[in-house]
Amino acid sequence: SILGGHWQKLSFQHWKVHLLAGILLITLGNGFMALAGQTIPSGL
């Protein structure tokens, strides 16, 4: 994003949105999905 010239200044509100989205999508979504993989088959 930075080297390719795609980075734009974010408003404070949008910083909050994407930081919270990171928690929801990755920390909780991706993290708990991996934890579930210990007992739940990948297909299920």
PDB file of all heavy atoms in Angstrom:
ATOM      1  N   SER A   1       0.815  -1.209   0.000  1.00  0.00           N
ATOM      2  CA  SER A   1       0.000   0.000   0.000  1.00  0.00           C
ATOM      3  C   SER A   1       0.851   1.263   0.000  1.00  0.00           C
ATOM      4  O   SER A   1       0.582   2.207  -0.757  1.00  0.00           O
ATOM      5  CB  SER A   1      -0.929  -0.008   1.220  1.00  0.00           C
ATOM      6  OG  SER A   1      -1.725   1.154   1.261  1.00  0.00           O
ATOM      7  N   ILE A   2       1.903   1.276   0.833  1.00  0.00           N
ATOM      8  CA  ILE A   2       2.734   2.470   0.965  1.00  0.00           C
ATOM      9  C   ILE A   2       3.627   2.664  -0.252  1.00  0.00           C
ATOM     10  O   ILE A   2       3.660   3.730  -0.862  1.00  0.00           O
ATOM     11  CB  ILE A   2       3.576   2.397   2.252  1.00  0.00           C
ATOM     12  CG1 ILE A   2       2.649   2.432   3.478  1.00  0.00           C
ATOM     13  CG2 ILE A   2       4.576   3.552   2.313  1.00  0.00           C
ATOM     14  CD1 ILE A   2       3.358   2.134   4.787  1.00  0.00           C
ATOM     15  N   LEU A   3       4.367   1.610  -0.637  1.00  0.00           N
ATOM     16  CA  LEU A   3       5.294   1.723  -1.767  1.00  0.00           C
ATOM     17  C   LEU A   3       4.554   1.849  -3.095  1.00  0.00           C
ATOM     18  O   LEU A   3       5.067   2.452  -4.036  1.00  0.00           O
ATOM     19  CB  LEU A   3       6.229   0.509  -1.799  1.00  0.00           C
ATOM     20  CG  LEU A   3       7.172   0.349  -0.606  1.00  0.00           C
ATOM     21  CD1 LEU A   3       8.102  -0.840  -0.813  1.00  0.00           C
ATOM     22  CD2 LEU A   3       7.986   1.632  -0.375  1.00  0.00           C
ATOM     23  N   GLY A   4       3.358   1.276  -3.152  1.00  0.00           N
ATOM     24  CA  GLY A   4       2.579   1.354  -4.392  1.00  0.00           C
ATOM     25  C   GLY A   4       1.793   2.644  -4.534  1.00  0.00           C
ATOM     26  O   GLY A   4       1.100   2.843  -5.543  1.00  0.00           O
ATOM     27  N   GLY A   5       1.872   3.519  -3.531  1.00  0.00           N
ATOM     28  CA  GLY A   5       1.177   4.798  -3.606  1.00  0.00           C
ATOM     29  C   GLY A   5      -0.312   4.712  -3.377  1.00  0.00           C
ATOM     30  O   GLY A   5      -1.063   5.612  -3.777  1.00  0.00           O
ATOM     31  N   HIS A   6      -0.761   3.642  -2.732  1.00  0.00           N
ATOM     32  CA  HIS A   6      -2.201   3.463  -2.497  1.00  0.00           C
ATOM     33  C   HIS A   6      -2.662   3.997  -1.143  1.00  0.00           C
ATOM     34  O   HIS A   6      -3.856   4.102  -0.898  1.00  0.00           O
ATOM     35  CB  HIS A   6      -2.561   1.974  -2.592  1.00  0.00           C
ATOM     36  CG  HIS A   6      -2.179   1.329  -3.878  1.00  0.00           C
ATOM     37  ND1 HIS A   6      -2.645   1.776  -5.102  1.00  0.00           N
ATOM     38  CD2 HIS A   6      -1.355   0.280  -4.148  1.00  0.00           C
ATOM     39  CE1 HIS A   6      -2.145   1.020  -6.064  1.00  0.00           C
ATOM     40  NE2 HIS A   6      -1.358   0.117  -5.512  1.00  0.00           N
ATOM     41  N   TRP A   7      -1.710   4.301  -0.273  1.00  0.00           N
ATOM     42  CA  TRP A   7      -2.083   4.725   1.083  1.00  0.00           C
ATOM     43  C   TRP A   7      -2.707   6.107   1.070  1.00  0.00           C
ATOM     44  O   TRP A   7      -2.197   7.029   0.442  1.00  0.00           O
ATOM     45  CB  TRP A   7      -0.850   4.736   1.988  1.00  0.00           C
ATOM     46  CG  TRP A   7      -1.189   5.031   3.426  1.00  0.00           C
ATOM     47  CD1 TRP A   7      -1.284   6.260   4.009  1.00  0.00           C
ATOM     48  CD2 TRP A   7      -1.491   4.072   4.442  1.00  0.00           C
ATOM     49  NE1 TRP A   7      -1.625   6.133   5.334  1.00  0.00           N
ATOM     50  CE2 TRP A   7      -1.761   4.809   5.638  1.00  0.00           C
ATOM     51  CE3 TRP A   7      -1.561   2.681   4.479  1.00  0.00           C
ATOM     52  CZ2 TRP A   7      -2.091   4.175   6.834  1.00  0.00           C
ATOM     53  CZ3 TRP A   7      -1.896   2.060   5.679  1.00  0.00           C
ATOM     54  CH2 TRP A   7      -2.151   2.800   6.828  1.00  0.00           C
ATOM     55  N   GLN A   8      -3.849   6.235   1.750  1.00  0.00           N
ATOM     56  CA  GLN A   8      -4.538   7.514   1.900  1.00  0.00           C
ATOM     57  C   GLN A   8      -4.711   7.815   3.387  1.00  0.00           C
ATOM     58  O   GLN A   8      -4.764   6.907   4.210  1.00  0.00           O
ATOM     59  CB  GLN A   8      -5.927   7.462   1.249  1.00  0.00           C
ATOM     60  CG  GLN A   8      -5.927   7.134  -0.235  1.00  0.00           C
ATOM     61  CD  GLN A   8      -7.343   7.040  -0.767  1.00  0.00           C
ATOM     62  OE1 GLN A   8      -8.204   7.860  -0.441  1.00  0.00           O
ATOM     63  NE2 GLN A   8      -7.611   6.019  -1.571  1.00  0.00           N
ATOM     64  N   LYS A   9      -4.811   9.085   3.687  1.00  0.00           N
ATOM     65  CA  LYS A   9      -5.027   9.482   5.073  1.00  0.00           C
ATOM     66  C   LYS A   9      -6.423   9.067   5.502  1.00  0.00           C
ATOM     67  O   LYS A   9      -7.409   9.338   4.827  1.00  0.00           O
ATOM     68  CB  LYS A   9      -4.863  10.996   5.220  1.00  0.00           C
ATOM     69  CG  LYS A   9      -5.001  11.472   6.653  1.00  0.00           C
ATOM     70  CD  LYS A   9      -4.792  12.983   6.756  1.00  0.00           C
ATOM     71  CE  LYS A   9      -4.940  13.453   8.198  1.00  0.00           C
ATOM     72  NZ  LYS A   9      -4.741  14.931   8.312  1.00  0.00           N
ATOM     73  N   LEU A  10      -6.501   8.392   6.643  1.00  0.00           N
ATOM     74  CA  LEU A  10      -7.779   7.939   7.176  1.00  0.00           C
ATOM     75  C   LEU A  10      -8.305   8.931   8.199  1.00  0.00           C
ATOM     76  O   LEU A  10      -7.529   9.515   8.965  1.00  0.00           O
ATOM     77  CB  LEU A  10      -7.654   6.576   7.860  1.00  0.00           C
ATOM     78  CG  LEU A  10      -7.635   5.323   6.987  1.00  0.00           C
ATOM     79  CD1 LEU A  10      -6.272   5.123   6.349  1.00  0.00           C
ATOM     80  CD2 LEU A  10      -8.024   4.098   7.806  1.00  0.00           C
ATOM     81  N   SER A  11      -9.609   9.104   8.202  1.00  0.00           N
ATOM     82  CA  SER A  11     -10.220   9.901   9.253  1.00  0.00           C
ATOM     83  C   SER A  11     -10.159   9.109  10.559  1.00  0.00           C
ATOM     84  O   SER A  11      -9.978   7.891  10.568  1.00  0.00           O
ATOM     85  CB  SER A  11     -11.683  10.200   8.907  1.00  0.00           C
ATOM     86  OG  SER A  11     -12.456   9.001   8.905  1.00  0.00           O
ATOM     87  N   PHE A  12     -10.299   9.807  11.677  1.00  0.00           N
ATOM     88  CA  PHE A  12     -10.260   9.141  12.978  1.00  0.00           C
ATOM     89  C   PHE A  12     -11.363   8.085  13.077  1.00  0.00           C
ATOM     90  O   PHE A  12     -11.150   6.995  13.608  1.00  0.00           O
ATOM     91  CB  PHE A  12     -10.424  10.175  14.095  1.00  0.00           C
ATOM     92  CG  PHE A  12     -10.449   9.575  15.478  1.00  0.00           C
ATOM     93  CD1 PHE A  12      -9.301   9.045  16.042  1.00  0.00           C
ATOM     94  CD2 PHE A  12     -11.647   9.532  16.200  1.00  0.00           C
ATOM     95  CE1 PHE A  12      -9.331   8.481  17.321  1.00  0.00           C
ATOM     96  CE2 PHE A  12     -11.679   8.962  17.465  1.00  0.00           C
ATOM     97  CZ  PHE A  12     -10.521   8.443  18.028  1.00  0.00           C
ATOM     98  N   GLN A  13     -12.532   8.416  12.522  1.00  0.00           N
ATOM     99  CA  GLN A  13     -13.658   7.482  12.557  1.00  0.00           C
ATOM    100  C   GLN A  13     -13.340   6.210  11.788  1.00  0.00           C
ATOM    101  O   GLN A  13     -13.627   5.101  12.242  1.00  0.00           O
ATOM    102  CB  GLN A  13     -14.908   8.151  11.970  1.00  0.00           C
ATOM    103  CG  GLN A  13     -16.149   7.271  11.972  1.00  0.00           C
ATOM    104  CD  GLN A  13     -16.604   6.909  13.377  1.00  0.00           C
ATOM    105  OE1 GLN A  13     -16.468   7.701  14.299  1.00  0.00           O
ATOM    106  NE2 GLN A  13     -17.128   5.714  13.550  1.00  0.00           N
ATOM    107  N   HIS A  14     -12.709   6.352  10.612  1.00  0.00           N
ATOM    108  CA  HIS A  14     -12.389   5.179   9.805  1.00  0.00           C
ATOM    109  C   HIS A  14     -11.247   4.361  10.405  1.00  0.00           C
ATOM    110  O   HIS A  14     -11.180   3.146  10.226  1.00  0.00           O
ATOM    111  CB  HIS A  14     -12.071   5.600   8.376  1.00  0.00           C
ATOM    112  CG  HIS A  14     -13.292   5.957   7.586  1.00  0.00           C
ATOM    113  ND1 HIS A  14     -13.240   6.466   6.303  1.00  0.00           N
ATOM    114  CD2 HIS A  14     -14.617   5.872   7.906  1.00  0.00           C
ATOM    115  CE1 HIS A  14     -14.471   6.684   5.865  1.00  0.00           C
ATOM    116  NE2 HIS A  14     -15.321   6.329   6.822  1.00  0.00           N
ATOM    117  N   TRP A  15     -10.322   5.022  11.110  1.00  0.00           N
ATOM    118  CA  TRP A  15      -9.301   4.269  11.841  1.00  0.00           C
ATOM    119  C   TRP A  15      -9.974   3.348  12.853  1.00  0.00           C
ATOM    120  O   TRP A  15      -9.625   2.170  12.978  1.00  0.00           O
ATOM    121  CB  TRP A  15      -8.341   5.219  12.569  1.00  0.00           C
ATOM    122  CG  TRP A  15      -7.097   5.559  11.814  1.00  0.00           C
ATOM    123  CD1 TRP A  15      -6.742   6.774  11.305  1.00  0.00           C
ATOM    124  CD2 TRP A  15      -6.014   4.671  11.487  1.00  0.00           C
ATOM    125  NE1 TRP A  15      -5.510   6.704  10.679  1.00  0.00           N
ATOM    126  CE2 TRP A  15      -5.045   5.433  10.783  1.00  0.00           C
ATOM    127  CE3 TRP A  15      -5.775   3.312  11.728  1.00  0.00           C
ATOM    128  CZ2 TRP A  15      -3.863   4.867  10.312  1.00  0.00           C
ATOM    129  CZ3 TRP A  15      -4.600   2.746  11.254  1.00  0.00           C
ATOM    130  CH2 TRP A  15      -3.661   3.516  10.550  1.00  0.00           C
ATOM    131  N   LYS A  16     -10.950   3.883  13.582  1.00  0.00           N
ATOM    132  CA  LYS A  16     -11.654   3.082  14.581  1.00  0.00           C
ATOM    133  C   LYS A  16     -12.388   1.917  13.926  1.00  0.00           C
ATOM    134  O   LYS A  16     -12.391   0.802  14.458  1.00  0.00           O
ATOM    135  CB  LYS A  16     -12.653   3.952  15.359  1.00  0.00           C
ATOM    136  CG  LYS A  16     -12.005   4.971  16.285  1.00  0.00           C
ATOM    137  CD  LYS A  16     -13.012   5.522  17.294  1.00  0.00           C
ATOM    138  CE  LYS A  16     -14.189   6.183  16.606  1.00  0.00           C
ATOM    139  NZ  LYS A  16     -15.143   6.770  17.584  1.00  0.00           N
ATOM    140  N   VAL A  17     -12.998   2.180  12.771  1.00  0.00           N
ATOM    141  CA  VAL A  17     -13.743   1.132  12.068  1.00  0.00           C
ATOM    142  C   VAL A  17     -12.825  -0.026  11.689  1.00  0.00           C
ATOM    143  O   VAL A  17     -13.124  -1.200  11.961  1.00  0.00           O
ATOM    144  CB  VAL A  17     -14.422   1.700  10.806  1.00  0.00           C
ATOM    145  CG1 VAL A  17     -14.978   0.561   9.942  1.00  0.00           C
ATOM    146  CG2 VAL A  17     -15.537   2.661  11.187  1.00  0.00           C
ATOM    147  N   HIS A  18     -11.679   0.280  11.075  1.00  0.00           N
ATOM    148  CA  HIS A  18     -10.812  -0.784  10.571  1.00  0.00           C
ATOM    149  C   HIS A  18     -10.024  -1.471  11.677  1.00  0.00           C
ATOM    150  O   HIS A  18      -9.690  -2.660  11.564  1.00  0.00           O
ATOM    151  CB  HIS A  18      -9.894  -0.234   9.484  1.00  0.00           C
ATOM    152  CG  HIS A  18     -10.619   0.106   8.224  1.00  0.00           C
ATOM    153  ND1 HIS A  18     -11.254  -0.852   7.465  1.00  0.00           N
ATOM    154  CD2 HIS A  18     -10.843   1.301   7.598  1.00  0.00           C
ATOM    155  CE1 HIS A  18     -11.830  -0.267   6.422  1.00  0.00           C
ATOM    156  NE2 HIS A  18     -11.603   1.031   6.479  1.00  0.00           N
ATOM    157  N   LEU A  19      -9.723  -0.758  12.754  1.00  0.00           N
ATOM    158  CA  LEU A  19      -9.081  -1.414  13.893  1.00  0.00           C
ATOM    159  C   LEU A  19     -10.047  -2.394  14.559  1.00  0.00           C
ATOM    160  O   LEU A  19      -9.669  -3.522  14.899  1.00  0.00           O
ATOM    161  CB  LEU A  19      -8.601  -0.366  14.904  1.00  0.00           C
ATOM    162  CG  LEU A  19      -7.411   0.501  14.465  1.00  0.00           C
ATOM    163  CD1 LEU A  19      -7.122   1.573  15.517  1.00  0.00           C
ATOM    164  CD2 LEU A  19      -6.167  -0.347  14.240  1.00  0.00           C
ATOM    165  N   LEU A  20     -11.293  -1.965  14.720  1.00  0.00           N
ATOM    166  CA  LEU A  20     -12.297  -2.861  15.299  1.00  0.00           C
ATOM    167  C   LEU A  20     -12.583  -4.024  14.345  1.00  0.00           C
ATOM    168  O   LEU A  20     -12.768  -5.171  14.791  1.00  0.00           O
ATOM    169  CB  LEU A  20     -13.581  -2.091  15.597  1.00  0.00           C
ATOM    170  CG  LEU A  20     -14.743  -2.906  16.182  1.00  0.00           C
ATOM    171  CD1 LEU A  20     -14.317  -3.605  17.471  1.00  0.00           C
ATOM    172  CD2 LEU A  20     -15.959  -2.020  16.440  1.00  0.00           C
ATOM    173  N   ALA A  21     -12.592  -3.734  13.044  1.00  0.00           N
ATOM    174  CA  ALA A  21     -12.813  -4.792  12.062  1.00  0.00           C
ATOM    175  C   ALA A  21     -11.705  -5.838  12.141  1.00  0.00           C
ATOM    176  O   ALA A  21     -11.953  -7.040  11.982  1.00  0.00           O
ATOM    177  CB  ALA A  21     -12.879  -4.202  10.650  1.00  0.00           C
ATOM    178  N   GLY A  22     -10.467  -5.388  12.394  1.00  0.00           N
ATOM    179  CA  GLY A  22      -9.368  -6.328  12.548  1.00  0.00           C
ATOM    180  C   GLY A  22      -9.588  -7.273  13.720  1.00  0.00           C
ATOM    181  O   GLY A  22      -9.280  -8.466  13.645  1.00  0.00           O
ATOM    182  N   ILE A  23     -10.141  -6.742  14.803  1.00  0.00           N
ATOM    183  CA  ILE A  23     -10.436  -7.573  15.978  1.00  0.00           C
ATOM    184  C   ILE A  23     -11.549  -8.568  15.650  1.00  0.00           C
ATOM    185  O   ILE A  23     -11.466  -9.756  15.981  1.00  0.00           O
ATOM    186  CB  ILE A  23     -10.836  -6.692  17.170  1.00  0.00           C
ATOM    187  CG1 ILE A  23      -9.657  -5.804  17.584  1.00  0.00           C
ATOM    188  CG2 ILE A  23     -11.300  -7.550  18.342  1.00  0.00           C
ATOM    189  CD1 ILE A  23     -10.000  -4.776  18.642  1.00  0.00           C
ATOM    190  N   LEU A  24     -12.605  -8.087  14.980  1.00  0.00           N
ATOM    191  CA  LEU A  24     -13.743  -8.946  14.663  1.00  0.00           C
ATOM    192  C   LEU A  24     -13.386 -10.011  13.620  1.00  0.00           C
ATOM    193  O   LEU A  24     -13.674 -11.201  13.803  1.00  0.00           O
ATOM    194  CB  LEU A  24     -14.917  -8.097  14.160  1.00  0.00           C
ATOM    195  CG  LEU A  24     -15.590  -7.195  15.194  1.00  0.00           C
ATOM    196  CD1 LEU A  24     -16.562  -6.233  14.520  1.00  0.00           C
ATOM    197  CD2 LEU A  24     -16.311  -8.034  16.248  1.00  0.00           C
ATOM    198  N   LEU A  25     -12.753  -9.581  12.525  1.00  0.00           N
ATOM    199  CA  LEU A  25     -12.466 -10.493  11.424  1.00  0.00           C
ATOM    200  C   LEU A  25     -11.326 -11.449  11.736  1.00  0.00           C
ATOM    201  O   LEU A  25     -11.423 -12.655  11.446  1.00  0.00           O
ATOM    202  CB  LEU A  25     -12.128  -9.701  10.156  1.00  0.00           C
ATOM    203  CG  LEU A  25     -13.223  -8.809   9.576  1.00  0.00           C
ATOM    204  CD1 LEU A  25     -12.672  -7.963   8.436  1.00  0.00           C
ATOM    205  CD2 LEU A  25     -14.402  -9.639   9.096  1.00  0.00           C
ATOM    206  N   ILE A  26     -10.247 -10.926  12.301  1.00  0.00           N
ATOM    207  CA  ILE A  26      -9.039 -11.731  12.472  1.00  0.00           C
ATOM    208  C   ILE A  26      -8.927 -12.332  13.877  1.00  0.00           C
ATOM    209  O   ILE A  26      -8.856 -13.554  14.035  1.00  0.00           O
ATOM    210  CB  ILE A  26      -7.781 -10.885  12.165  1.00  0.00           C
ATOM    211  CG1 ILE A  26      -7.892 -10.281  10.759  1.00  0.00           C
ATOM    212  CG2 ILE A  26      -6.530 -11.750  12.296  1.00  0.00           C
ATOM    213  CD1 ILE A  26      -8.054 -11.292   9.647  1.00  0.00           C
ATOM    214  N   THR A  27      -8.919 -11.471  14.914  1.00  0.00           N
ATOM    215  CA  THR A  27      -8.728 -11.982  16.273  1.00  0.00           C
ATOM    216  C   THR A  27      -9.836 -12.960  16.652  1.00  0.00           C
ATOM    217  O   THR A  27      -9.566 -14.081  17.110  1.00  0.00           O
ATOM    218  CB  THR A  27      -8.685 -10.824  17.284  1.00  0.00           C
ATOM    219  OG1 THR A  27      -7.683  -9.892  16.892  1.00  0.00           O
ATOM    220  CG2 THR A  27      -8.370 -11.354  18.674  1.00  0.00           C
ATOM    221  N   LEU A  28     -11.081 -12.551  16.465  1.00  0.00           N
ATOM    222  CA  LEU A  28     -12.205 -13.404  16.849  1.00  0.00           C
ATOM    223  C   LEU A  28     -12.602 -14.370  15.733  1.00  0.00           C
ATOM    224  O   LEU A  28     -12.712 -15.578  15.973  1.00  0.00           O
ATOM    225  CB  LEU A  28     -13.407 -12.532  17.241  1.00  0.00           C
ATOM    226  CG  LEU A  28     -13.198 -11.620  18.455  1.00  0.00           C
ATOM    227  CD1 LEU A  28     -14.444 -10.780  18.723  1.00  0.00           C
ATOM    228  CD2 LEU A  28     -12.854 -12.438  19.694  1.00  0.00           C
ATOM    229  N   GLY A  29     -12.803 -13.857  14.531  1.00  0.00           N
ATOM    230  CA  GLY A  29     -13.240 -14.707  13.433  1.00  0.00           C
ATOM    231  C   GLY A  29     -12.218 -15.774  13.065  1.00  0.00           C
ATOM    232  O   GLY A  29     -12.492 -16.980  13.125  1.00  0.00           O
ATOM    233  N   ASN A  30     -11.022 -15.331  12.680  1.00  0.00           N
ATOM    234  CA  ASN A  30      -9.976 -16.259  12.262  1.00  0.00           C
ATOM    235  C   ASN A  30      -9.426 -17.058  13.430  1.00  0.00           C
ATOM    236  O   ASN A  30      -9.149 -18.258  13.325  1.00  0.00           O
ATOM    237  CB  ASN A  30      -8.853 -15.472  11.575  1.00  0.00           C
ATOM    238  CG  ASN A  30      -7.970 -16.343  10.720  1.00  0.00           C
ATOM    239  OD1 ASN A  30      -7.014 -16.919  11.214  1.00  0.00           O
ATOM    240  ND2 ASN A  30      -8.265 -16.431   9.438  1.00  0.00           N
ATOM    241  N   GLY A  31      -9.254 -16.397  14.578  1.00  0.00           N
ATOM    242  CA  GLY A  31      -8.691 -17.067  15.743  1.00  0.00           C
ATOM    243  C   GLY A  31      -9.567 -18.192  16.265  1.00  0.00           C
ATOM    244  O   GLY A  31      -9.097 -19.310  16.501  1.00  0.00           O
ATOM    245  N   PHE A  32     -10.847 -17.917  16.463  1.00  0.00           N
ATOM    246  CA  PHE A  32     -11.739 -18.947  16.976  1.00  0.00           C
ATOM    247  C   PHE A  32     -12.001 -20.039  15.945  1.00  0.00           C
ATOM    248  O   PHE A  32     -12.269 -21.190  16.314  1.00  0.00           O
ATOM    249  CB  PHE A  32     -13.057 -18.320  17.448  1.00  0.00           C
ATOM    250  CG  PHE A  32     -12.989 -17.800  18.856  1.00  0.00           C
ATOM    251  CD1 PHE A  32     -12.754 -16.459  19.105  1.00  0.00           C
ATOM    252  CD2 PHE A  32     -13.141 -18.657  19.934  1.00  0.00           C
ATOM    253  CE1 PHE A  32     -12.672 -15.982  20.404  1.00  0.00           C
ATOM    254  CE2 PHE A  32     -13.070 -18.191  21.237  1.00  0.00           C
ATOM    255  CZ  PHE A  32     -12.829 -16.852  21.477  1.00  0.00           C
ATOM    256  N   MET A  33     -11.920 -19.691  14.668  1.00  0.00           N
ATOM    257  CA  MET A  33     -12.043 -20.723  13.640  1.00  0.00           C
ATOM    258  C   MET A  33     -10.895 -21.721  13.754  1.00  0.00           C
ATOM    259  O   MET A  33     -11.082 -22.941  13.644  1.00  0.00           O
ATOM    260  CB  MET A  33     -12.038 -20.071  12.251  1.00  0.00           C
ATOM    261  CG  MET A  33     -11.987 -21.077  11.099  1.00  0.00           C
ATOM    262  SD  MET A  33     -13.409 -22.172  11.039  1.00  0.00           S
ATOM    263  CE  MET A  33     -14.675 -21.007  10.563  1.00  0.00           C
ATOM    264  N   ALA A  34      -9.679 -21.218  13.995  1.00  0.00           N
ATOM    265  CA  ALA A  34      -8.526 -22.101  14.159  1.00  0.00           C
ATOM    266  C   ALA A  34      -8.662 -22.953  15.412  1.00  0.00           C
ATOM    267  O   ALA A  34      -8.334 -24.145  15.406  1.00  0.00           O
ATOM    268  CB  ALA A  34      -7.242 -21.283  14.197  1.00  0.00           C
ATOM    269  N   LEU A  35      -9.138 -22.354  16.492  1.00  0.00           N
ATOM    270  CA  LEU A  35      -9.349 -23.109  17.728  1.00  0.00           C
ATOM    271  C   LEU A  35     -10.370 -24.229  17.517  1.00  0.00           C
ATOM    272  O   LEU A  35     -10.198 -25.346  18.024  1.00  0.00           O
ATOM    273  CB  LEU A  35      -9.816 -22.182  18.855  1.00  0.00           C
ATOM    274  CG  LEU A  35      -8.763 -21.239  19.447  1.00  0.00           C
ATOM    275  CD1 LEU A  35      -9.430 -20.239  20.394  1.00  0.00           C
ATOM    276  CD2 LEU A  35      -7.691 -22.028  20.202  1.00  0.00           C
ATOM    277  N   ALA A  36     -11.410 -23.931  16.768  1.00  0.00           N
ATOM    278  CA  ALA A  36     -12.437 -24.939  16.497  1.00  0.00           C
ATOM    279  C   ALA A  36     -11.882 -26.092  15.673  1.00  0.00           C
ATOM    280  O   ALA A  36     -12.355 -27.231  15.779  1.00  0.00           O
ATOM    281  CB  ALA A  36     -13.619 -24.300  15.773  1.00  0.00           C
ATOM    282  N   GLY A  37     -10.867 -25.809  14.852  1.00  0.00           N
ATOM    283  CA  GLY A  37     -10.287 -26.837  13.991  1.00  0.00           C
ATOM    284  C   GLY A  37      -9.647 -27.981  14.745  1.00  0.00           C
ATOM    285  O   GLY A  37      -9.382 -29.033  14.164  1.00  0.00           O
ATOM    286  N   GLN A  38      -9.411 -27.800  16.042  1.00  0.00           N
ATOM    287  CA  GLN A  38      -8.846 -28.887  16.841  1.00  0.00           C
ATOM    288  C   GLN A  38      -9.853 -29.995  17.096  1.00  0.00           C
ATOM    289  O   GLN A  38      -9.479 -31.136  17.346  1.00  0.00           O
ATOM    290  CB  GLN A  38      -8.350 -28.352  18.183  1.00  0.00           C
ATOM    291  CG  GLN A  38      -7.185 -27.381  18.080  1.00  0.00           C
ATOM    292  CD  GLN A  38      -6.753 -26.863  19.437  1.00  0.00           C
ATOM    293  OE1 GLN A  38      -7.527 -26.251  20.160  1.00  0.00           O
ATOM    294  NE2 GLN A  38      -5.506 -27.119  19.788  1.00  0.00           N
ATOM    295  N   THR A  39     -11.138 -29.653  17.046  1.00  0.00           N
ATOM    296  CA  THR A  39     -12.170 -30.646  17.339  1.00  0.00           C
ATOM    297  C   THR A  39     -13.183 -30.816  16.217  1.00  0.00           C
ATOM    298  O   THR A  39     -13.840 -31.849  16.134  1.00  0.00           O
ATOM    299  CB  THR A  39     -12.935 -30.261  18.626  1.00  0.00           C
ATOM    300  OG1 THR A  39     -13.472 -28.941  18.473  1.00  0.00           O
ATOM    301  CG2 THR A  39     -12.008 -30.282  19.822  1.00  0.00           C
ATOM    302  N   ILE A  40     -13.318 -29.813  15.341  1.00  0.00           N
ATOM    303  CA  ILE A  40     -14.320 -29.839  14.278  1.00  0.00           C
ATOM    304  C   ILE A  40     -13.632 -30.072  12.932  1.00  0.00           C
ATOM    305  O   ILE A  40     -12.671 -29.372  12.596  1.00  0.00           O
ATOM    306  CB  ILE A  40     -15.123 -28.526  14.225  1.00  0.00           C
ATOM    307  CG1 ILE A  40     -15.731 -28.213  15.594  1.00  0.00           C
ATOM    308  CG2 ILE A  40     -16.210 -28.606  13.159  1.00  0.00           C
ATOM    309  CD1 ILE A  40     -16.712 -29.242  16.087  1.00  0.00           C
ATOM    310  N   PRO A  41     -14.104 -31.015  12.123  1.00  0.00           N
ATOM    311  CA  PRO A  41     -13.511 -31.262  10.807  1.00  0.00           C
ATOM    312  C   PRO A  41     -13.589 -30.022   9.914  1.00  0.00           C
ATOM    313  O   PRO A  41     -14.482 -29.177  10.071  1.00  0.00           O
ATOM    314  CB  PRO A  41     -14.371 -32.392  10.238  1.00  0.00           C
ATOM    315  CG  PRO A  41     -14.994 -33.038  11.423  1.00  0.00           C
ATOM    316  CD  PRO A  41     -15.201 -31.949  12.421  1.00  0.00           C
ATOM    317  N   SER A  42     -12.661 -29.923   8.989  1.00  0.00           N
ATOM    318  CA  SER A  42     -12.598 -28.747   8.130  1.00  0.00           C
ATOM    319  C   SER A  42     -13.877 -28.560   7.315  1.00  0.00           C
ATOM    320  O   SER A  42     -14.351 -27.441   7.137  1.00  0.00           O
ATOM    321  CB  SER A  42     -11.398 -28.852   7.182  1.00  0.00           C
ATOM    322  OG  SER A  42     -11.495 -30.023   6.372  1.00  0.00           O
ATOM    323  N   GLY A  43     -14.452 -29.661   6.823  1.00  0.00           N
ATOM    324  CA  GLY A  43     -15.671 -29.557   6.036  1.00  0.00           C
ATOM    325  C   GLY A  43     -16.837 -29.035   6.840  1.00  0.00           C
ATOM    326  O   GLY A  43     -17.583 -28.158   6.387  1.00  0.00           O
ATOM    327  N   LEU A  44     -16.997 -29.548   8.040  1.00  0.00           N
ATOM    328  CA  LEU A  44     -18.089 -29.092   8.902  1.00  0.00           C
ATOM    329  C   LEU A  44     -17.899 -27.642   9.311  1.00  0.00           C
ATOM    330  O   LEU A  44     -18.861 -26.881   9.421  1.00  0.00           O
ATOM    331  CB  LEU A  44     -18.190 -29.988  10.138  1.00  0.00           C
ATOM    332  CG  LEU A  44     -19.327 -29.677  11.113  1.00  0.00           C
ATOM    333  CD1 LEU A  44     -20.665 -29.650  10.400  1.00  0.00           C
ATOM    334  CD2 LEU A  44     -19.345 -30.697  12.248  1.00  0.00           C
TER     335      LEU A  44
END
